[in-house]
Structures are given as C-alpha cells and as structure tokens.
C-alpha cells in the first residue's frame, strides 16, 4: 500500500474531498498545519497510481485559482 499526503487549504477542502470521493480512494484527515491547512492522507495500491496522479494535477490547478 502506498501513501501520499496533501495539505489542503480550508477554502479548497469541499472540492478536493469531492474529487477524492469520485475516485473512491481511501483517505483520512490526519491533522492540520500551523497555517490552518488540513492534512489528508490518501492510501492506494499501485493499480490506482493514475488516479492519484490525476488528483495531484487537479490539486495543483485548484491551488492556482
């Protein structure tokens, strides 16, 4: 099992959570940063690596808006 963490700003949390759910990826909120970002851990198998790559790209796009 592989893992990746995302530090998600509060204003992006709902959109990002919906994208995680759409991809049926196992996830947990594992904490928060000092600058009030929510730390989300995604657990996935090698077969789901493409889904995680998509999620990483989307996260970058959301952060740029």
PDB file of N, CA and C in Angstrom:
ATOM      1  N   UNK A   1       0.849  -1.172   0.000  1.00  0.00           N
ATOM      2  CA  UNK A   1       0.000   0.000   0.000  1.00  0.00           C
ATOM      3  C   UNK A   1       0.899   1.240   0.000  1.00  0.00           C
ATOM      4  N   UNK A   2       0.543   2.176  -0.845  1.00  0.00           N
ATOM      5  CA  UNK A   2       1.275   3.439  -0.951  1.00  0.00           C
ATOM      6  C   UNK A   2       0.489   4.535  -0.258  1.00  0.00           C
ATOM      7  N   UNK A   3       1.175   5.616   0.082  1.00  0.00           N
ATOM      8  CA  UNK A   3       0.519   6.751   0.737  1.00  0.00           C
ATOM      9  C   UNK A   3       1.035   8.054   0.164  1.00  0.00           C
ATOM     10  N   UNK A   4       0.154   9.033   0.168  1.00  0.00           N
ATOM     11  CA  UNK A   4       0.537  10.395  -0.193  1.00  0.00           C
ATOM     12  C   UNK A   4      -0.264  11.336   0.698  1.00  0.00           C
ATOM     13  N   UNK A   5       0.333  12.462   1.048  1.00  0.00           N
ATOM     14  CA  UNK A   5      -0.347  13.458   1.866  1.00  0.00           C
ATOM     15  C   UNK A   5      -0.525  14.747   1.084  1.00  0.00           C
ATOM     16  N   UNK A   6      -1.664  15.385   1.321  1.00  0.00           N
ATOM     17  CA  UNK A   6      -1.964  16.688   0.748  1.00  0.00           C
ATOM     18  C   UNK A   6      -2.262  17.652   1.879  1.00  0.00           C
ATOM     19  N   UNK A   7      -1.710  18.849   1.811  1.00  0.00           N
ATOM     20  CA  UNK A   7      -2.039  19.921   2.756  1.00  0.00           C
ATOM     21  C   UNK A   7      -3.022  20.842   2.046  1.00  0.00           C
ATOM     22  N   UNK A   8      -4.283  20.714   2.423  1.00  0.00           N
ATOM     23  CA  UNK A   8      -5.373  21.344   1.691  1.00  0.00           C
ATOM     24  C   UNK A   8      -5.861  22.593   2.425  1.00  0.00           C
ATOM     25  N   UNK A   9      -5.828  23.747   1.770  1.00  0.00           N
ATOM     26  CA  UNK A   9      -6.385  24.955   2.386  1.00  0.00           C
ATOM     27  C   UNK A   9      -7.886  24.773   2.631  1.00  0.00           C
ATOM     28  N   UNK A  10      -8.375  25.399   3.687  1.00  0.00           N
ATOM     29  CA  UNK A  10      -9.781  25.243   4.067  1.00  0.00           C
ATOM     30  C   UNK A  10     -10.740  25.583   2.927  1.00  0.00           C
ATOM     31  N   UNK A  11     -10.418  26.600   2.136  1.00  0.00           N
ATOM     32  CA  UNK A  11     -11.320  27.019   1.067  1.00  0.00           C
ATOM     33  C   UNK A  11     -11.406  26.018  -0.082  1.00  0.00           C
ATOM     34  N   UNK A  12     -10.486  25.065  -0.152  1.00  0.00           N
ATOM     35  CA  UNK A  12     -10.498  24.050  -1.211  1.00  0.00           C
ATOM     36  C   UNK A  12     -10.968  22.681  -0.716  1.00  0.00           C
ATOM     37  N   UNK A  13     -11.220  22.582   0.570  1.00  0.00           N
ATOM     38  CA  UNK A  13     -11.477  21.279   1.180  1.00  0.00           C
ATOM     39  C   UNK A  13     -12.684  20.567   0.572  1.00  0.00           C
ATOM     40  N   UNK A  14     -13.799  21.239   0.412  1.00  0.00           N
ATOM     41  CA  UNK A  14     -15.009  20.590  -0.114  1.00  0.00           C
ATOM     42  C   UNK A  14     -14.794  20.082  -1.536  1.00  0.00           C
ATOM     43  N   UNK A  15     -14.210  20.907  -2.395  1.00  0.00           N
ATOM     44  CA  UNK A  15     -13.965  20.498  -3.782  1.00  0.00           C
ATOM     45  C   UNK A  15     -12.980  19.333  -3.850  1.00  0.00           C
ATOM     46  N   UNK A  16     -11.926  19.412  -3.065  1.00  0.00           N
ATOM     47  CA  UNK A  16     -10.913  18.365  -3.091  1.00  0.00           C
ATOM     48  C   UNK A  16     -11.479  17.057  -2.536  1.00  0.00           C
ATOM     49  N   UNK A  17     -12.262  17.137  -1.476  1.00  0.00           N
ATOM     50  CA  UNK A  17     -12.881  15.940  -0.899  1.00  0.00           C
ATOM     51  C   UNK A  17     -13.812  15.268  -1.908  1.00  0.00           C
ATOM     52  N   UNK A  18     -14.534  16.059  -2.680  1.00  0.00           N
ATOM     53  CA  UNK A  18     -15.420  15.502  -3.700  1.00  0.00           C
ATOM     54  C   UNK A  18     -14.616  14.754  -4.766  1.00  0.00           C
ATOM     55  N   UNK A  19     -13.477  15.304  -5.140  1.00  0.00           N
ATOM     56  CA  UNK A  19     -12.625  14.644  -6.132  1.00  0.00           C
ATOM     57  C   UNK A  19     -12.060  13.330  -5.597  1.00  0.00           C
ATOM     58  N   UNK A  20     -11.700  13.309  -4.330  1.00  0.00           N
ATOM     59  CA  UNK A  20     -11.216  12.065  -3.710  1.00  0.00           C
ATOM     60  C   UNK A  20     -12.332  11.023  -3.737  1.00  0.00           C
ATOM     61  N   UNK A  21     -13.538  11.435  -3.348  1.00  0.00           N
ATOM     62  CA  UNK A  21     -14.678  10.519  -3.315  1.00  0.00           C
ATOM     63  C   UNK A  21     -15.002   9.990  -4.706  1.00  0.00           C
ATOM     64  N   UNK A  22     -14.935  10.858  -5.714  1.00  0.00           N
ATOM     65  CA  UNK A  22     -15.216  10.439  -7.091  1.00  0.00           C
ATOM     66  C   UNK A  22     -14.267   9.334  -7.553  1.00  0.00           C
ATOM     67  N   UNK A  23     -13.073   9.318  -7.002  1.00  0.00           N
ATOM     68  CA  UNK A  23     -12.075   8.324  -7.396  1.00  0.00           C
ATOM     69  C   UNK A  23     -12.056   7.110  -6.460  1.00  0.00           C
ATOM     70  N   UNK A  24     -12.933   7.125  -5.449  1.00  0.00           N
ATOM     71  CA  UNK A  24     -13.037   6.012  -4.485  1.00  0.00           C
ATOM     72  C   UNK A  24     -11.700   5.662  -3.839  1.00  0.00           C
ATOM     73  N   UNK A  25     -10.937   6.678  -3.471  1.00  0.00           N
ATOM     74  CA  UNK A  25      -9.639   6.459  -2.829  1.00  0.00           C
ATOM     75  C   UNK A  25      -9.794   6.486  -1.309  1.00  0.00           C
ATOM     76  N   UNK A  26      -9.140   5.553  -0.648  1.00  0.00           N
ATOM     77  CA  UNK A  26      -9.159   5.512   0.817  1.00  0.00           C
ATOM     78  C   UNK A  26      -8.406   6.723   1.340  1.00  0.00           C
ATOM     79  N   UNK A  27      -8.997   7.395   2.334  1.00  0.00           N
ATOM     80  CA  UNK A  27      -8.369   8.618   2.829  1.00  0.00           C
ATOM     81  C   UNK A  27      -8.708   8.859   4.286  1.00  0.00           C
ATOM     82  N   UNK A  28      -7.890   9.684   4.917  1.00  0.00           N
ATOM     83  CA  UNK A  28      -8.100  10.089   6.305  1.00  0.00           C
ATOM     84  C   UNK A  28      -7.597  11.504   6.485  1.00  0.00           C
ATOM     85  N   UNK A  29      -8.277  12.241   7.336  1.00  0.00           N
ATOM     86  CA  UNK A  29      -7.742  13.525   7.782  1.00  0.00           C
ATOM     87  C   UNK A  29      -6.835  13.190   8.947  1.00  0.00           C
ATOM     88  N   UNK A  30      -5.573  13.566   8.820  1.00  0.00           N
ATOM     89  CA  UNK A  30      -4.615  13.165   9.858  1.00  0.00           C
ATOM     90  C   UNK A  30      -4.112  14.334  10.695  1.00  0.00           C
ATOM     91  N   UNK A  31      -4.552  15.543  10.364  1.00  0.00           N
ATOM     92  CA  UNK A  31      -4.125  16.680  11.175  1.00  0.00           C
ATOM     93  C   UNK A  31      -4.308  17.987  10.448  1.00  0.00           C
ATOM     94  N   UNK A  32      -3.660  18.987  11.010  1.00  0.00           N
ATOM     95  CA  UNK A  32      -3.693  20.328  10.432  1.00  0.00           C
ATOM     96  C   UNK A  32      -2.320  20.951  10.598  1.00  0.00           C
ATOM     97  N   UNK A  33      -2.017  21.881   9.715  1.00  0.00           N
ATOM     98  CA  UNK A  33      -0.739  22.586   9.790  1.00  0.00           C
ATOM     99  C   UNK A  33      -0.919  23.862  10.610  1.00  0.00           C
ATOM    100  N   UNK A  34       0.177  24.506  10.925  1.00  0.00           N
ATOM    101  CA  UNK A  34       0.119  25.763  11.670  1.00  0.00           C
ATOM    102  C   UNK A  34      -0.591  26.859  10.891  1.00  0.00           C
ATOM    103  N   UNK A  35      -0.561  26.764   9.570  1.00  0.00           N
ATOM    104  CA  UNK A  35      -1.232  27.775   8.753  1.00  0.00           C
ATOM    105  C   UNK A  35      -2.637  27.336   8.329  1.00  0.00           C
ATOM    106  N   UNK A  36      -3.234  26.455   9.126  1.00  0.00           N
ATOM    107  CA  UNK A  36      -4.642  26.047   9.019  1.00  0.00           C
ATOM    108  C   UNK A  36      -4.990  25.281   7.753  1.00  0.00           C
ATOM    109  N   UNK A  37      -4.040  24.530   7.244  1.00  0.00           N
ATOM    110  CA  UNK A  37      -4.335  23.621   6.136  1.00  0.00           C
ATOM    111  C   UNK A  37      -4.655  22.251   6.730  1.00  0.00           C
ATOM    112  N   UNK A  38      -5.590  21.544   6.121  1.00  0.00           N
ATOM    113  CA  UNK A  38      -5.983  20.219   6.575  1.00  0.00           C
ATOM    114  C   UNK A  38      -5.087  19.190   5.877  1.00  0.00           C
ATOM    115  N   UNK A  39      -4.499  18.294   6.649  1.00  0.00           N
ATOM    116  CA  UNK A  39      -3.615  17.270   6.093  1.00  0.00           C
ATOM    117  C   UNK A  39      -4.439  16.014   5.832  1.00  0.00           C
ATOM    118  N   UNK A  40      -4.520  15.637   4.561  1.00  0.00           N
ATOM    119  CA  UNK A  40      -5.272  14.459   4.146  1.00  0.00           C
ATOM    120  C   UNK A  40      -4.295  13.422   3.609  1.00  0.00           C
ATOM    121  N   UNK A  41      -4.431  12.217   4.123  1.00  0.00           N
ATOM    122  CA  UNK A  41      -3.604  11.102   3.662  1.00  0.00           C
ATOM    123  C   UNK A  41      -4.453  10.226   2.745  1.00  0.00           C
ATOM    124  N   UNK A  42      -3.912   9.920   1.577  1.00  0.00           N
ATOM    125  CA  UNK A  42      -4.542   9.028   0.610  1.00  0.00           C
ATOM    126  C   UNK A  42      -3.746   7.734   0.605  1.00  0.00           C
ATOM    127  N   UNK A  43      -4.443   6.622   0.755  1.00  0.00           N
ATOM    128  CA  UNK A  43      -3.805   5.306   0.679  1.00  0.00           C
ATOM    129  C   UNK A  43      -4.289   4.632  -0.611  1.00  0.00           C
ATOM    130  N   UNK A  44      -3.359   4.075  -1.357  1.00  0.00           N
ATOM    131  CA  UNK A  44      -3.730   3.496  -2.646  1.00  0.00           C
ATOM    132  C   UNK A  44      -2.791   2.360  -3.039  1.00  0.00           C
ATOM    133  N   UNK A  45      -3.294   1.539  -3.931  1.00  0.00           N
ATOM    134  CA  UNK A  45      -2.498   0.448  -4.498  1.00  0.00           C
ATOM    135  C   UNK A  45      -1.853   0.930  -5.794  1.00  0.00           C
ATOM    136  N   UNK A  46      -0.873   0.215  -6.235  1.00  0.00           N
ATOM    137  CA  UNK A  46      -0.163   0.567  -7.473  1.00  0.00           C
ATOM    138  C   UNK A  46      -1.129   0.731  -8.649  1.00  0.00           C
ATOM    139  N   UNK A  47      -2.167  -0.097  -8.688  1.00  0.00           N
ATOM    140  CA  UNK A  47      -3.151  -0.029  -9.780  1.00  0.00           C
ATOM    141  C   UNK A  47      -3.877   1.311  -9.831  1.00  0.00           C
ATOM    142  N   UNK A  48      -3.915   2.021  -8.712  1.00  0.00           N
ATOM    143  CA  UNK A  48      -4.616   3.309  -8.638  1.00  0.00           C
ATOM    144  C   UNK A  48      -3.687   4.507  -8.797  1.00  0.00           C
ATOM    145  N   UNK A  49      -2.449   4.263  -9.171  1.00  0.00           N
ATOM    146  CA  UNK A  49      -1.473   5.358  -9.276  1.00  0.00           C
ATOM    147  C   UNK A  49      -1.917   6.424 -10.277  1.00  0.00           C
ATOM    148  N   UNK A  50      -2.562   6.025 -11.356  1.00  0.00           N
ATOM    149  CA  UNK A  50      -3.034   7.009 -12.342  1.00  0.00           C
ATOM    150  C   UNK A  50      -4.091   7.926 -11.736  1.00  0.00           C
ATOM    151  N   UNK A  51      -4.964   7.368 -10.898  1.00  0.00           N
ATOM    152  CA  UNK A  51      -5.979   8.188 -10.229  1.00  0.00           C
ATOM    153  C   UNK A  51      -5.327   9.213  -9.308  1.00  0.00           C
ATOM    154  N   UNK A  52      -4.292   8.788  -8.625  1.00  0.00           N
ATOM    155  CA  UNK A  52      -3.591   9.692  -7.712  1.00  0.00           C
ATOM    156  C   UNK A  52      -2.851  10.766  -8.505  1.00  0.00           C
ATOM    157  N   UNK A  53      -2.286  10.406  -9.634  1.00  0.00           N
ATOM    158  CA  UNK A  53      -1.632  11.395 -10.496  1.00  0.00           C
ATOM    159  C   UNK A  53      -2.635  12.454 -10.947  1.00  0.00           C
ATOM    160  N   UNK A  54      -3.835  12.017 -11.331  1.00  0.00           N
ATOM    161  CA  UNK A  54      -4.891  12.953 -11.709  1.00  0.00           C
ATOM    162  C   UNK A  54      -5.227  13.883 -10.546  1.00  0.00           C
ATOM    163  N   UNK A  55      -5.316  13.303  -9.370  1.00  0.00           N
ATOM    164  CA  UNK A  55      -5.646  14.080  -8.177  1.00  0.00           C
ATOM    165  C   UNK A  55      -4.552  15.108  -7.875  1.00  0.00           C
ATOM    166  N   UNK A  56      -3.305  14.728  -8.031  1.00  0.00           N
ATOM    167  CA  UNK A  56      -2.201  15.663  -7.828  1.00  0.00           C
ATOM    168  C   UNK A  56      -2.280  16.832  -8.810  1.00  0.00           C
ATOM    169  N   UNK A  57      -2.561  16.533 -10.082  1.00  0.00           N
ATOM    170  CA  UNK A  57      -2.689  17.581 -11.087  1.00  0.00           C
ATOM    171  C   UNK A  57      -3.846  18.519 -10.747  1.00  0.00           C
ATOM    172  N   UNK A  58      -4.964  17.941 -10.363  1.00  0.00           N
ATOM    173  CA  UNK A  58      -6.133  18.737 -10.003  1.00  0.00           C
ATOM    174  C   UNK A  58      -5.838  19.621  -8.793  1.00  0.00           C
ATOM    175  N   UNK A  59      -5.145  19.058  -7.814  1.00  0.00           N
ATOM    176  CA  UNK A  59      -4.801  19.829  -6.615  1.00  0.00           C
ATOM    177  C   UNK A  59      -3.959  21.048  -6.971  1.00  0.00           C
ATOM    178  N   UNK A  60      -3.003  20.866  -7.874  1.00  0.00           N
ATOM    179  CA  UNK A  60      -2.178  21.995  -8.322  1.00  0.00           C
ATOM    180  C   UNK A  60      -3.038  23.052  -8.998  1.00  0.00           C
ATOM    181  N   UNK A  61      -3.968  22.606  -9.843  1.00  0.00           N
ATOM    182  CA  UNK A  61      -4.856  23.554 -10.534  1.00  0.00           C
ATOM    183  C   UNK A  61      -5.726  24.318  -9.541  1.00  0.00           C
ATOM    184  N   UNK A  62      -6.291  23.625  -8.569  1.00  0.00           N
ATOM    185  CA  UNK A  62      -7.127  24.271  -7.563  1.00  0.00           C
ATOM    186  C   UNK A  62      -6.335  25.317  -6.766  1.00  0.00           C
ATOM    187  N   UNK A  63      -5.096  25.013  -6.467  1.00  0.00           N
ATOM    188  CA  UNK A  63      -4.249  25.936  -5.704  1.00  0.00           C
ATOM    189  C   UNK A  63      -3.884  27.178  -6.500  1.00  0.00           C
ATOM    190  N   UNK A  64      -3.889  27.059  -7.829  1.00  0.00           N
ATOM    191  CA  UNK A  64      -3.538  28.204  -8.678  1.00  0.00           C
ATOM    192  C   UNK A  64      -4.690  29.177  -8.837  1.00  0.00           C
ATOM    193  N   UNK A  65      -5.905  28.705  -8.609  1.00  0.00           N
ATOM    194  CA  UNK A  65      -7.090  29.585  -8.812  1.00  0.00           C
ATOM    195  C   UNK A  65      -7.209  30.624  -7.731  1.00  0.00           C
TER     196      UNK A  65
END
